[in-house]
Amino acid sequence: MRARRGPGLVGTMARTAVVAGTATAVSGSMQRRAATRHMEQAELAQARAAQAAADEQARVDAAVAAALAAQGGATPAAATPASVAATPAASPAGPPGGDDVIARLQQLAELKAQGILTEEEFAAQKARILGG
């Protein structure tokens, strides 16, 4: 009778196949989880950037509305960003070069000169007034 010395070639190959299959399954699972986490973090960063842009636009709109209200004699509550945007000068269909457009551009320039608006905010508001 012969004594067994080990699992033999077939047994070693079977064990290797099981270990390799398990490693492949674990690796694939880890990659899927990492990809999911990466996508979630990217979506969160995008949502935060959109919120920051909306907050910045609201701040600029409020500063413009307050400045227009102060110069026009209206109360700040009456010159909300929504009412400023609804004025004919803010609409793209407004006549380019109209007196109201020029007045609003001058007011924006004054806000920029006073340091209330940055160069980027000024450019964005100017484009909005000019309909572009």
Protein backbone atom coordinates (compact mmCIF):
# COMPACT_ATOMS: atom_id res chain seq x y z
CA MET A 1 0.00 0.00 0.00
CA ARG A 2 1.21 3.41 -0.95
CA ALA A 3 1.23 6.38 1.45
CA ARG A 4 -0.21 9.64 0.25
CA ARG A 5 2.27 12.42 0.17
CA GLY A 6 0.08 15.42 -0.65
CA PRO A 7 -2.88 16.55 -2.68
CA GLY A 8 -1.20 15.82 -5.98
CA LEU A 9 -1.23 17.81 -9.17
CA VAL A 10 -5.02 17.82 -9.68
CA GLY A 11 -5.66 18.83 -6.07
CA THR A 12 -3.13 21.68 -6.28
CA MET A 13 -4.69 22.93 -9.52
CA ALA A 14 -8.17 22.82 -8.02
CA ARG A 15 -7.05 24.74 -4.93
CA THR A 16 -5.30 27.33 -7.12
CA ALA A 17 -8.44 27.78 -9.22
CA VAL A 18 -10.58 28.33 -6.11
CA VAL A 19 -8.10 30.87 -4.67
CA ALA A 20 -7.84 32.72 -8.01
CA GLY A 21 -11.63 32.80 -8.45
CA THR A 22 -12.13 34.14 -4.93
CA ALA A 23 -9.46 36.79 -5.45
CA THR A 24 -11.07 37.86 -8.73
CA ALA A 25 -14.51 38.14 -7.13
CA VAL A 26 -13.19 40.16 -4.18
CA SER A 27 -11.17 42.44 -6.47
CA GLY A 28 -14.18 43.10 -8.71
CA SER A 29 -16.35 43.87 -5.70
CA MET A 30 -13.79 46.29 -4.32
CA GLN A 31 -13.50 48.04 -7.70
CA ARG A 32 -17.27 48.43 -7.97
CA ARG A 33 -17.48 49.88 -4.44
CA ALA A 34 -14.62 52.31 -5.15
CA ALA A 35 -16.27 53.43 -8.40
CA THR A 36 -19.58 53.96 -6.60
CA ARG A 37 -17.88 55.99 -3.87
CA HIS A 38 -16.05 58.05 -6.48
CA MET A 39 -19.30 58.80 -8.34
CA GLU A 40 -21.05 59.78 -5.10
CA GLN A 41 -18.20 62.12 -4.16
CA ALA A 42 -18.22 63.69 -7.63
CA GLU A 43 -21.99 64.25 -7.45
CA LEU A 44 -21.64 65.79 -3.99
CA ALA A 45 -18.86 68.11 -5.18
CA GLN A 46 -20.96 69.13 -8.18
CA ALA A 47 -23.97 69.85 -5.96
CA ARG A 48 -21.81 71.93 -3.61
CA ALA A 49 -20.38 73.91 -6.54
CA ALA A 50 -23.87 74.57 -7.91
CA GLN A 51 -25.05 75.72 -4.48
CA ALA A 52 -22.03 78.00 -4.09
CA ALA A 53 -22.70 79.52 -7.53
CA ALA A 54 -26.36 80.06 -6.64
CA ASP A 55 -25.40 81.65 -3.31
CA GLU A 56 -22.92 83.96 -5.06
CA GLN A 57 -25.51 84.97 -7.66
CA ALA A 58 -28.03 85.68 -4.90
CA ARG A 59 -25.44 87.84 -3.11
CA VAL A 60 -24.71 89.81 -6.27
CA ASP A 61 -28.42 90.21 -7.03
CA ALA A 62 -29.04 91.45 -3.49
CA ALA A 63 -26.16 93.96 -3.73
CA VAL A 64 -27.41 95.26 -7.06
CA ALA A 65 -30.99 95.47 -5.79
CA ALA A 66 -29.90 97.32 -2.66
CA ALA A 67 -27.80 99.75 -4.67
CA LEU A 68 -30.60 100.38 -7.15
CA ALA A 69 -33.05 100.86 -4.31
CA ALA A 70 -30.73 103.31 -2.57
CA GLN A 71 -30.18 105.33 -5.73
CA GLY A 72 -33.76 105.16 -6.95
CA GLY A 73 -35.37 106.04 -3.62
CA ALA A 74 -37.15 102.69 -3.36
CA THR A 75 -36.94 100.54 -0.27
CA PRO A 76 -34.72 97.45 -0.44
CA ALA A 77 -37.78 95.22 0.02
CA ALA A 78 -39.33 96.71 -3.12
CA ALA A 79 -36.19 96.10 -5.17
CA THR A 80 -35.71 92.39 -4.74
CA PRO A 81 -33.57 90.48 -7.27
CA ALA A 82 -36.76 89.13 -8.85
CA SER A 83 -38.17 92.62 -9.38
CA VAL A 84 -34.83 93.89 -10.69
CA ALA A 85 -34.72 91.00 -13.17
CA ALA A 86 -38.28 91.79 -14.26
CA THR A 87 -37.46 95.36 -15.28
CA PRO A 88 -37.34 96.06 -19.02
CA ALA A 89 -33.61 96.81 -18.87
CA ALA A 90 -32.87 93.31 -17.60
CA SER A 91 -34.83 91.58 -20.34
CA PRO A 92 -32.94 90.45 -23.43
CA ALA A 93 -35.61 92.10 -25.60
CA GLY A 94 -34.86 95.53 -24.09
CA PRO A 95 -33.59 98.14 -26.51
CA PRO A 96 -29.79 98.19 -26.59
CA GLY A 97 -28.52 101.69 -25.83
CA GLY A 98 -31.72 102.80 -24.06
CA ASP A 99 -31.48 105.38 -21.28
CA ASP A 100 -32.45 102.81 -18.64
CA VAL A 101 -29.75 100.38 -19.81
CA ILE A 102 -27.11 103.11 -19.66
CA ALA A 103 -28.25 104.14 -16.19
CA ARG A 104 -28.09 100.56 -14.93
CA LEU A 105 -24.61 100.09 -16.42
CA GLN A 106 -23.47 103.30 -14.73
CA GLN A 107 -24.87 102.04 -11.42
CA LEU A 108 -23.01 98.77 -11.87
CA ALA A 109 -19.81 100.65 -12.60
CA GLU A 110 -20.28 102.65 -9.41
CA LEU A 111 -20.81 99.44 -7.41
CA LYS A 112 -17.62 98.04 -8.90
CA ALA A 113 -15.71 101.25 -8.14
CA GLN A 114 -16.94 101.12 -4.53
CA GLY A 115 -15.66 97.56 -4.22
CA ILE A 116 -19.14 96.06 -3.77
CA LEU A 117 -18.83 94.03 -6.98
CA THR A 118 -15.79 92.12 -8.20
CA GLU A 119 -14.68 92.26 -11.83
CA GLU A 120 -16.33 88.88 -12.50
CA GLU A 121 -19.60 89.92 -10.85
CA PHE A 122 -19.58 93.18 -12.78
CA ALA A 123 -19.03 91.36 -16.07
CA ALA A 124 -21.82 88.87 -15.33
CA GLN A 125 -24.33 91.60 -14.43
CA LYS A 126 -23.31 93.69 -17.44
CA ALA A 127 -23.86 90.71 -19.75
CA ARG A 128 -27.24 90.13 -18.11
CA ILE A 129 -28.30 93.75 -18.62
CA LEU A 130 -27.14 93.77 -22.23
CA GLY A 131 -29.02 90.56 -22.90
CA GLY A 132 -26.01 88.36 -23.49
